[in-house]
Amino acid sequence: MIRKVAKFGGTSMANADTIRRVATIIKNDPAIHFVVVSAPGRRQKGDLKVTDLLYQVAKEAEEKGTIQSFQLVEARILEIAKGLDLVDFITPYLIATKNAILDDMSLPFIVSRGEYFSSLLLAKYLNYTWVDAKDCIVFRGSTLNYPSSNQKTRKLLNKMAYVVMGGFYGENGLGDIKVMERGGSDITGAIVARAIKANVYENWTDVDGFLVADPDIVHHPKLIEEMTYKELRVLSFMGAEVLHSETYYPVMRAKIPIHIRNTFNPTTEGTYISPSLGHRGDSLVTGIAGLQDFTLIVVEKELMSEVVGLDRKILSIAEKLGIIIEHFPSGTDTFSMMIESKYLENGIKDQFIQLIKKTIKPDYLEVTEDVSLISIIGRNLMANNYNMLRLFTALVNDNITLKMIDYGSSGVNIVIGVSDDDYAFAIKTLYKEFIEDDEEEEQE
């Protein structure tokens, strides 16, 4: 029997109409046995998410000891309940929650109530079993405990057939509610998928899936139909925000595919993510993604390669200053460091440079700011040297100067550094070379 876990995001749970849409998707697929939901999101541009409203409640509780702003949350939940004909059902929960907040004004408890109400409403509307996330998701202190969460979730949910629960929150074993980072409902869904050994983890959102490139840069970029976990990891690191970056860890270990779907366009196939695509995945470039505002520091020193521990000394200095080095390509007597500029603010950059000069006494040190990183991701990209020629020729022909080149250790990506001014232009160039031109050749 095929069993799916389906997670629906905030836009999917924003109002009664969207929740009815979610219910239709679930009812039309008998394989969906377990559902995880986020708190109601924005109804339109400029609107506040319910979680944002709850943060306002928490702030008022901390500063004034009152929760008058909880009226905004009540109004929003009652509006949804009215559209689903569930006002009488949800009202006692709202009253009980308000009283509970007055007794326990902790921020995690307050901000977790959006998922709590959202899951209650959908479970009642579907006539599914409702499970409180605190009975499944375990924290050790403020850190999510994956092994205990997996064990507790498996023990509870494997006894049940059709379940709805909220994401984002859990309990620390002492009765205290704890929450994950924003987007944590994705992680809850992944934990449930692993615990019940789901065949597929469906993540329903408001986009068709991952796109090959940023639509703000490339006009109508192609949808990524299939990719591997490794490619997902690189895309997430480089800023693709369709899926929470920690989501794939539980399902990856269990080799459970992730399927990104669009609640508002359910006929679209979306993006399918699996351990290995085999013969199905023959595309050359899976995605092109990037991040801006980096600083490149280049250090040269004669006979550097013959000095043991020099790299370690530099990395130790960075560690003491709280600097994360994203890339560390090196040559015979030189090495480069690509660092996100935010780590070098408030005088840290000057302090870092002075410590390098004092420690290793370089012959030459150069700092270049306003650098962007672009990752060209593709499991087949480095299978043919001609692809590298295409990549560099395209950039040179468009007068784009490379600041850095690094071959990703995962074997699925190449990272280049360009100036921030060339960032969008370089992405357009690479998209044209590897996506548009290849599509034109296939059509001929």
Protein backbone atom coordinates (compact mmCIF):
# COMPACT_ATOMS: atom_id res chain seq x y z
CA MET A 1 0.00 0.00 0.00
CA ILE A 2 1.37 3.42 -0.99
CA ARG A 3 1.41 5.92 1.86
CA LYS A 4 2.21 9.59 1.39
CA VAL A 5 2.86 12.42 3.80
CA ALA A 6 1.62 15.77 2.50
CA LYS A 7 2.71 19.07 4.01
CA PHE A 8 0.73 22.22 3.14
CA GLY A 9 2.29 25.64 3.62
CA GLY A 10 0.87 28.88 4.96
CA THR A 11 -0.56 30.15 1.67
CA SER A 12 -2.39 26.84 1.27
CA MET A 13 -3.98 27.35 4.71
CA ALA A 14 -4.58 31.11 4.44
CA ASN A 15 -8.39 31.13 4.34
CA ALA A 16 -11.45 28.90 4.05
CA ASP A 17 -11.28 28.78 0.24
CA THR A 18 -7.67 27.61 0.19
CA ILE A 19 -8.36 25.03 2.92
CA ARG A 20 -11.23 23.63 0.86
CA ARG A 21 -8.79 23.39 -2.04
CA VAL A 22 -6.37 21.49 0.22
CA ALA A 23 -9.16 19.16 1.32
CA THR A 24 -10.02 18.40 -2.31
CA ILE A 25 -6.40 17.49 -3.08
CA ILE A 26 -6.30 15.15 -0.08
CA LYS A 27 -9.64 13.50 -0.82
CA ASN A 28 -8.68 12.95 -4.47
CA ASP A 29 -5.56 11.01 -3.45
CA PRO A 30 -6.29 8.08 -1.11
CA ALA A 31 -2.52 7.53 -0.71
CA ILE A 32 -2.27 10.70 1.44
CA HIS A 33 -2.53 9.28 4.94
CA PHE A 34 -0.68 11.89 6.96
CA VAL A 35 -1.00 15.67 6.64
CA VAL A 36 1.18 18.36 8.23
CA VAL A 37 0.15 22.01 8.02
CA SER A 38 1.59 25.44 8.64
CA ALA A 39 -0.18 28.35 10.30
CA PRO A 40 -2.46 30.43 8.03
CA GLY A 41 -0.34 32.65 5.79
CA ARG A 42 -1.02 35.87 3.94
CA ARG A 43 -4.38 36.20 2.18
CA GLN A 44 -3.08 38.89 -0.14
CA LYS A 45 -0.08 41.16 -0.56
CA GLY A 46 0.52 43.29 2.50
CA ASP A 47 -1.41 40.94 4.79
CA LEU A 48 0.11 39.52 7.96
CA LYS A 49 0.58 35.82 8.60
CA VAL A 50 -1.07 34.44 11.72
CA THR A 51 2.40 33.67 13.09
CA ASP A 52 3.30 37.36 12.67
CA LEU A 53 0.20 38.28 14.65
CA LEU A 54 1.18 35.82 17.36
CA TYR A 55 4.62 37.39 17.60
CA GLN A 56 2.82 40.68 18.26
CA VAL A 57 0.88 38.95 21.04
CA ALA A 58 4.11 37.63 22.52
CA LYS A 59 5.72 41.07 22.38
CA GLU A 60 2.70 42.65 24.14
CA ALA A 61 2.74 39.90 26.76
CA GLU A 62 6.42 40.50 27.48
CA GLU A 63 6.27 44.30 27.54
CA LYS A 64 2.85 44.92 29.11
CA GLY A 65 1.67 41.64 30.61
CA THR A 66 -1.50 41.82 28.50
CA ILE A 67 -2.67 40.08 25.33
CA GLN A 68 -5.21 42.46 23.80
CA SER A 69 -3.69 41.83 20.35
CA PHE A 70 -4.84 38.20 20.57
CA GLN A 71 -8.19 39.59 19.31
CA LEU A 72 -6.59 39.87 15.85
CA VAL A 73 -5.68 36.17 15.95
CA GLU A 74 -9.18 35.24 17.11
CA ALA A 75 -10.75 37.26 14.30
CA ARG A 76 -8.55 35.59 11.70
CA ILE A 77 -9.22 32.05 12.95
CA LEU A 78 -12.95 32.68 13.30
CA GLU A 79 -13.08 34.04 9.75
CA ILE A 80 -11.62 30.77 8.49
CA ALA A 81 -13.87 28.70 10.75
CA LYS A 82 -16.97 30.55 9.54
CA GLY A 83 -16.15 29.71 5.94
CA LEU A 84 -15.80 26.05 6.89
CA ASP A 85 -18.90 26.07 9.15
CA LEU A 86 -16.71 25.23 12.16
CA VAL A 87 -17.19 28.26 14.44
CA ASP A 88 -18.86 26.24 17.21
CA PHE A 89 -16.05 23.71 17.01
CA ILE A 90 -13.09 26.10 17.23
CA THR A 91 -14.47 28.66 19.71
CA PRO A 92 -13.77 26.55 22.85
CA TYR A 93 -10.19 26.03 21.67
CA LEU A 94 -9.73 29.79 21.22
CA ILE A 95 -11.04 30.48 24.72
CA ALA A 96 -8.88 27.75 26.25
CA THR A 97 -5.82 29.00 24.40
CA LYS A 98 -6.36 32.57 25.53
CA ASN A 99 -6.53 31.41 29.14
CA ALA A 100 -3.48 29.20 28.65
CA ILE A 101 -1.49 32.14 27.26
CA LEU A 102 -2.39 34.21 30.32
CA ASP A 103 -0.95 31.38 32.45
CA ASP A 104 2.06 30.72 30.21
CA MET A 105 3.29 33.78 28.32
CA SER A 106 6.35 32.06 26.87
CA LEU A 107 7.09 33.08 23.29
CA PRO A 108 7.33 29.50 21.90
CA PHE A 109 3.92 28.55 23.24
CA ILE A 110 2.26 31.68 21.88
CA VAL A 111 3.76 31.59 18.37
CA SER A 112 3.05 27.85 17.98
CA ARG A 113 -0.71 28.36 18.21
CA GLY A 114 -1.08 29.17 14.51
CA GLU A 115 -0.20 25.60 13.50
CA TYR A 116 -2.29 24.34 16.41
CA PHE A 117 -5.48 26.06 15.19
CA SER A 118 -4.77 25.35 11.54
CA SER A 119 -4.39 21.61 12.11
CA LEU A 120 -7.47 21.44 14.32
CA LEU A 121 -9.64 23.05 11.64
CA LEU A 122 -8.40 20.86 8.78
CA ALA A 123 -8.65 17.64 10.82
CA LYS A 124 -12.25 18.42 11.73
CA TYR A 125 -13.14 19.43 8.18
CA LEU A 126 -11.69 16.18 6.79
CA ASN A 127 -12.88 14.05 9.70
CA TYR A 128 -9.26 12.89 10.19
CA THR A 129 -7.60 12.13 13.52
CA TRP A 130 -5.95 15.20 15.00
CA VAL A 131 -2.56 14.77 16.67
CA ASP A 132 -0.89 17.52 18.71
CA ALA A 133 2.66 18.01 17.42
CA LYS A 134 3.95 18.18 21.00
CA ASP A 135 3.16 14.46 21.32
CA CYS A 136 5.53 13.63 18.44
CA ILE A 137 8.28 16.22 18.09
CA VAL A 138 10.94 16.21 20.79
CA PHE A 139 13.41 18.95 21.71
CA ARG A 140 16.52 18.66 23.88
CA GLY A 141 16.70 22.11 25.37
CA SER A 142 16.02 24.35 22.37
CA THR A 143 17.51 21.90 19.85
CA LEU A 144 15.40 19.51 17.82
CA ASN A 145 16.09 15.90 18.82
CA TYR A 146 15.79 13.96 15.56
CA PRO A 147 16.25 10.39 16.91
CA SER A 148 13.73 10.83 19.74
CA SER A 149 11.28 12.62 17.44
CA ASN A 150 11.52 9.81 14.91
CA GLN A 151 10.99 7.15 17.55
CA LYS A 152 8.08 8.90 19.26
CA THR A 153 6.38 9.79 15.97
CA ARG A 154 6.71 6.26 14.63
CA LYS A 155 5.30 4.75 17.82
CA LEU A 156 2.26 7.03 17.84
CA LEU A 157 1.37 7.44 14.16
CA ASN A 158 1.84 3.85 13.00
CA LYS A 159 -1.26 2.99 15.01
CA MET A 160 -3.34 5.48 13.01
CA ALA A 161 -4.73 5.56 9.47
CA TYR A 162 -5.45 9.19 8.56
CA VAL A 163 -3.89 12.01 10.56
CA VAL A 164 -3.56 15.81 10.54
CA MET A 165 -1.03 17.60 12.73
CA GLY A 166 0.64 20.99 12.89
CA GLY A 167 4.26 21.62 12.03
CA PHE A 168 6.84 23.98 13.52
CA TYR A 169 6.57 23.05 17.21
CA GLY A 170 7.10 20.26 19.73
CA GLU A 171 7.91 19.74 23.40
CA ASN A 172 11.10 19.39 25.43
CA GLY A 173 9.89 16.58 27.70
CA LEU A 174 9.32 18.94 30.62
CA GLY A 175 5.99 20.22 29.37
CA ASP A 176 7.48 23.28 27.64
CA ILE A 177 6.55 24.05 24.03
CA LYS A 178 9.51 24.69 21.75
CA VAL A 179 9.53 25.91 18.15
CA MET A 180 11.79 25.53 15.14
CA GLU A 181 12.97 28.28 12.82
CA ARG A 182 10.51 29.82 10.38
CA GLY A 183 9.66 27.18 7.78
CA GLY A 184 9.98 24.42 10.36
CA SER A 185 6.76 22.76 9.24
CA ASP A 186 8.76 21.36 6.31
CA ILE A 187 11.00 19.62 8.84
CA THR A 188 8.04 18.24 10.79
CA GLY A 189 6.65 16.76 7.57
CA ALA A 190 10.00 15.16 6.78
CA ILE A 191 10.21 13.64 10.28
CA VAL A 192 6.72 12.18 9.88
CA ALA A 193 7.60 10.81 6.44
CA ARG A 194 10.66 9.03 7.79
CA ALA A 195 8.89 7.75 10.90
CA ILE A 196 6.02 6.09 9.03
CA LYS A 197 8.29 5.01 6.13
CA ALA A 198 6.30 6.94 3.55
CA ASN A 199 6.72 6.18 -0.13
CA VAL A 200 6.74 9.90 -0.97
CA TYR A 201 6.88 13.16 0.95
CA GLU A 202 4.75 15.74 -0.88
CA ASN A 203 5.43 19.36 -0.07
CA TRP A 204 2.57 21.56 -1.28
CA THR A 205 3.30 25.26 -1.66
CA ASP A 206 2.31 28.20 -3.88
CA VAL A 207 4.84 27.65 -6.68
CA ASP A 208 5.10 24.92 -9.30
CA GLY A 209 8.47 23.73 -7.98
CA PHE A 210 12.13 24.65 -8.25
CA LEU A 211 13.05 26.80 -11.23
CA VAL A 212 16.32 26.55 -13.13
CA ALA A 213 17.08 30.21 -12.37
CA ASP A 214 15.72 33.17 -10.42
CA PRO A 215 12.58 34.45 -12.21
CA ASP A 216 13.52 38.00 -11.18
CA ILE A 217 16.59 37.64 -13.42
CA VAL A 218 15.54 35.20 -16.15
CA HIS A 219 12.17 35.71 -17.80
CA HIS A 220 9.99 32.58 -17.32
CA PRO A 221 12.78 30.14 -16.43
CA LYS A 222 12.25 26.45 -17.01
CA LEU A 223 10.86 24.27 -14.20
CA ILE A 224 13.24 21.66 -12.76
CA GLU A 225 11.28 18.44 -13.18
CA GLU A 226 13.75 16.11 -11.44
CA MET A 227 16.85 16.44 -9.30
CA THR A 228 18.92 14.57 -6.74
CA TYR A 229 19.36 15.26 -3.04
CA LYS A 230 22.90 16.49 -3.72
CA GLU A 231 21.62 19.04 -6.21
CA LEU A 232 18.91 20.11 -3.78
CA ARG A 233 21.55 20.68 -1.11
CA VAL A 234 23.54 22.98 -3.39
CA LEU A 235 20.45 24.89 -4.56
CA SER A 236 19.23 25.39 -0.99
CA PHE A 237 22.66 26.60 0.14
CA MET A 238 22.75 29.07 -2.74
CA GLY A 239 19.45 30.64 -1.72
CA ALA A 240 16.66 28.64 -3.40
CA GLU A 241 13.85 29.03 -0.86
CA VAL A 242 11.14 26.64 -2.04
CA LEU A 243 12.05 24.13 0.67
CA HIS A 244 13.50 24.63 4.14
CA SER A 245 17.20 23.75 3.97
CA GLU A 246 17.04 21.14 6.76
CA THR A 247 14.02 19.33 5.33
CA TYR A 248 15.80 16.73 3.29
CA TYR A 249 17.96 15.27 6.08
CA PRO A 250 15.31 12.94 7.61
CA VAL A 251 13.96 11.79 4.25
CA MET A 252 17.38 11.55 2.61
CA ARG A 253 18.56 9.10 5.25
CA ALA A 254 15.48 6.98 4.61
CA LYS A 255 15.78 7.44 0.81
CA ILE A 256 12.25 8.82 0.59
CA PRO A 257 11.60 10.99 -2.50
CA ILE A 258 10.36 14.56 -2.05
CA HIS A 259 7.75 15.88 -4.45
CA ILE A 260 7.22 19.66 -4.60
CA ARG A 261 3.66 20.48 -5.71
CA ASN A 262 1.55 23.61 -6.18
CA THR A 263 -1.72 23.75 -4.24
CA PHE A 264 -3.04 26.32 -6.71
CA ASN A 265 -1.95 24.42 -9.80
CA PRO A 266 -2.22 20.74 -8.80
CA THR A 267 -2.15 19.40 -12.37
CA THR A 268 1.48 20.54 -12.77
CA GLU A 269 3.95 17.72 -12.13
CA GLY A 270 6.15 19.86 -9.90
CA THR A 271 9.72 18.94 -8.95
CA TYR A 272 10.64 15.38 -7.98
CA ILE A 273 13.70 14.92 -5.75
CA SER A 274 15.25 11.50 -5.12
CA PRO A 275 18.58 9.88 -4.14
CA SER A 276 19.47 9.01 -7.72
CA LEU A 277 17.66 9.65 -10.97
CA GLY A 278 19.59 7.13 -13.05
CA HIS A 279 18.68 7.13 -16.70
CA ARG A 280 15.73 9.46 -16.10
CA GLY A 281 17.94 12.43 -15.35
CA ASP A 282 19.79 13.35 -18.53
CA SER A 283 19.71 17.15 -18.34
CA LEU A 284 23.10 18.84 -18.46
CA VAL A 285 22.39 21.73 -16.09
CA THR A 286 19.82 21.30 -13.34
CA GLY A 287 19.93 24.80 -11.91
CA ILE A 288 21.79 28.10 -11.78
CA ALA A 289 21.73 29.90 -8.45
CA GLY A 290 23.76 32.53 -6.71
CA LEU A 291 24.38 34.78 -3.74
CA GLN A 292 25.65 38.35 -3.70
CA ASP A 293 27.73 40.53 -1.40
CA PHE A 294 30.88 38.50 -0.77
CA THR A 295 34.46 39.59 -0.14
CA LEU A 296 37.41 37.86 -1.80
CA ILE A 297 40.74 37.85 0.03
CA VAL A 298 43.77 36.60 -1.92
CA VAL A 299 47.03 35.81 -0.10
CA GLU A 300 50.39 35.05 -1.72
CA LYS A 301 53.59 33.94 -0.01
CA GLU A 302 56.73 32.46 -1.54
CA LEU A 303 57.20 28.74 -0.76
CA MET A 304 53.82 28.68 0.96
CA SER A 305 53.17 25.12 -0.23
CA GLU A 306 56.20 23.87 1.72
CA VAL A 307 55.05 25.30 5.06
CA VAL A 308 53.07 22.81 7.15
CA GLY A 309 49.93 24.10 8.89
CA LEU A 310 49.68 27.49 7.21
CA ASP A 311 46.09 26.92 6.11
CA ARG A 312 45.21 25.75 9.62
CA LYS A 313 46.57 28.98 11.12
CA ILE A 314 44.39 31.11 8.82
CA LEU A 315 41.29 29.02 9.51
CA SER A 316 41.96 29.26 13.25
CA ILE A 317 42.03 33.06 13.04
CA ALA A 318 38.74 33.01 11.11
CA GLU A 319 37.19 30.71 13.70
CA LYS A 320 38.17 32.96 16.59
CA LEU A 321 36.61 35.96 14.84
CA GLY A 322 33.42 34.06 13.98
CA ILE A 323 34.10 34.20 10.23
CA ILE A 324 32.68 31.48 7.99
CA ILE A 325 34.78 30.92 4.85
CA GLU A 326 32.55 29.67 2.04
CA HIS A 327 35.32 28.73 -0.42
CA PHE A 328 39.05 28.24 0.08
CA PRO A 329 40.66 27.49 -3.32
CA SER A 330 44.45 27.33 -3.23
CA GLY A 331 47.42 27.24 -5.61
CA THR A 332 51.17 26.58 -5.31
CA ASP A 333 52.01 29.68 -3.30
CA THR A 334 48.61 31.30 -3.00
CA PHE A 335 45.16 30.78 -1.59
CA SER A 336 41.87 32.64 -1.77
CA MET A 337 39.05 33.04 0.72
CA MET A 338 35.49 33.84 -0.31
CA ILE A 339 33.65 35.24 2.70
CA GLU A 340 30.11 36.56 3.00
CA SER A 341 30.61 40.28 3.68
CA LYS A 342 28.28 40.33 6.70
CA TYR A 343 30.95 38.42 8.66
CA LEU A 344 33.48 41.20 8.05
CA GLU A 345 31.46 44.15 9.32
CA ASN A 346 32.16 46.39 12.33
CA GLY A 347 35.92 46.33 11.94
CA ILE A 348 36.24 42.54 11.72
CA LYS A 349 37.70 42.74 8.20
CA ASP A 350 40.59 44.97 9.25
CA GLN A 351 41.20 42.84 12.32
CA PHE A 352 41.24 39.65 10.20
CA ILE A 353 43.69 41.12 7.69
CA GLN A 354 46.04 42.42 10.38
CA LEU A 355 46.11 39.03 12.10
CA ILE A 356 46.88 37.29 8.78
CA LYS A 357 49.75 39.69 8.13
CA LYS A 358 51.08 39.22 11.65
CA THR A 359 50.76 35.41 11.57
CA ILE A 360 52.10 34.43 8.15
CA LYS A 361 53.71 37.66 6.84
CA PRO A 362 52.41 37.33 3.26
CA ASP A 363 54.26 38.78 0.28
CA TYR A 364 50.97 40.01 -1.17
CA LEU A 365 47.41 40.37 0.12
CA GLU A 366 44.50 41.70 -1.93
CA VAL A 367 40.90 42.35 -0.85
CA THR A 368 38.09 42.57 -3.43
CA GLU A 369 34.62 43.49 -2.25
CA ASP A 370 31.20 43.33 -3.95
CA VAL A 371 31.70 39.83 -5.33
CA SER A 372 28.91 37.39 -6.19
CA LEU A 373 28.99 33.59 -6.18
CA ILE A 374 27.17 31.68 -8.91
CA SER A 375 26.76 27.93 -8.75
CA ILE A 376 26.10 25.97 -11.94
CA ILE A 377 24.53 22.72 -10.76
CA GLY A 378 24.23 19.54 -12.80
CA ARG A 379 24.97 15.88 -12.18
CA ASN A 380 26.15 15.49 -15.80
CA LEU A 381 27.93 18.83 -16.12
CA MET A 382 31.46 17.60 -15.51
CA ALA A 383 31.11 14.38 -17.49
CA ASN A 384 32.47 16.09 -20.61
CA ASN A 385 35.31 18.64 -20.80
CA TYR A 386 33.48 20.35 -23.65
CA ASN A 387 30.94 21.59 -21.13
CA MET A 388 33.66 23.51 -19.30
CA LEU A 389 34.74 25.06 -22.59
CA ARG A 390 31.15 26.13 -23.25
CA LEU A 391 30.84 27.65 -19.78
CA PHE A 392 33.98 29.75 -19.89
CA THR A 393 33.61 30.71 -23.56
CA ALA A 394 30.09 32.02 -22.97
CA LEU A 395 31.26 34.19 -20.07
CA VAL A 396 34.33 35.49 -21.94
CA ASN A 397 32.26 36.31 -25.04
CA ASP A 398 29.99 38.44 -22.87
CA ASN A 399 32.96 40.23 -21.26
CA ILE A 400 32.33 38.80 -17.80
CA THR A 401 35.49 38.66 -15.69
CA LEU A 402 35.89 35.72 -13.33
CA LYS A 403 37.13 36.48 -9.82
CA MET A 404 37.26 32.84 -8.70
CA ILE A 405 36.61 29.28 -9.91
CA ASP A 406 35.94 26.35 -7.57
CA TYR A 407 34.87 22.83 -8.47
CA GLY A 408 32.35 21.63 -5.90
CA SER A 409 33.50 18.57 -3.94
CA SER A 410 30.04 17.00 -4.33
CA GLY A 411 30.72 16.54 -8.03
CA VAL A 412 27.49 18.25 -9.08
CA ASN A 413 28.43 21.92 -9.26
CA ILE A 414 30.96 24.53 -10.31
CA VAL A 415 31.16 27.81 -8.41
CA ILE A 416 32.39 30.99 -10.03
CA GLY A 417 32.92 34.43 -8.58
CA VAL A 418 31.97 37.57 -10.51
CA SER A 419 31.46 41.19 -9.56
CA ASP A 420 28.07 42.11 -8.13
CA ASP A 421 27.54 44.31 -11.19
CA ASP A 422 27.92 41.27 -13.48
CA TYR A 423 25.80 38.94 -11.31
CA ALA A 424 22.45 39.07 -13.16
CA PHE A 425 24.15 39.35 -16.54
CA ALA A 426 26.23 36.23 -15.87
CA ILE A 427 23.20 34.19 -14.83
CA LYS A 428 21.38 35.23 -18.02
CA THR A 429 24.44 34.27 -20.07
CA LEU A 430 24.70 30.82 -18.48
CA TYR A 431 20.97 30.21 -18.80
CA LYS A 432 21.05 31.06 -22.49
CA GLU A 433 24.09 28.84 -23.11
CA PHE A 434 22.94 25.73 -21.28
CA ILE A 435 19.14 25.91 -21.27
CA GLU A 436 17.83 28.02 -24.14
CA ASP A 437 20.44 26.95 -26.70
CA ASP A 438 20.12 23.27 -25.77
CA GLU A 439 16.32 23.43 -26.02
CA GLU A 440 16.63 25.01 -29.48
CA GLU A 441 18.95 22.19 -30.59
CA GLU A 442 16.47 19.56 -29.34
CA GLN A 443 13.66 21.18 -31.30
CA GLU A 444 15.65 21.25 -34.56
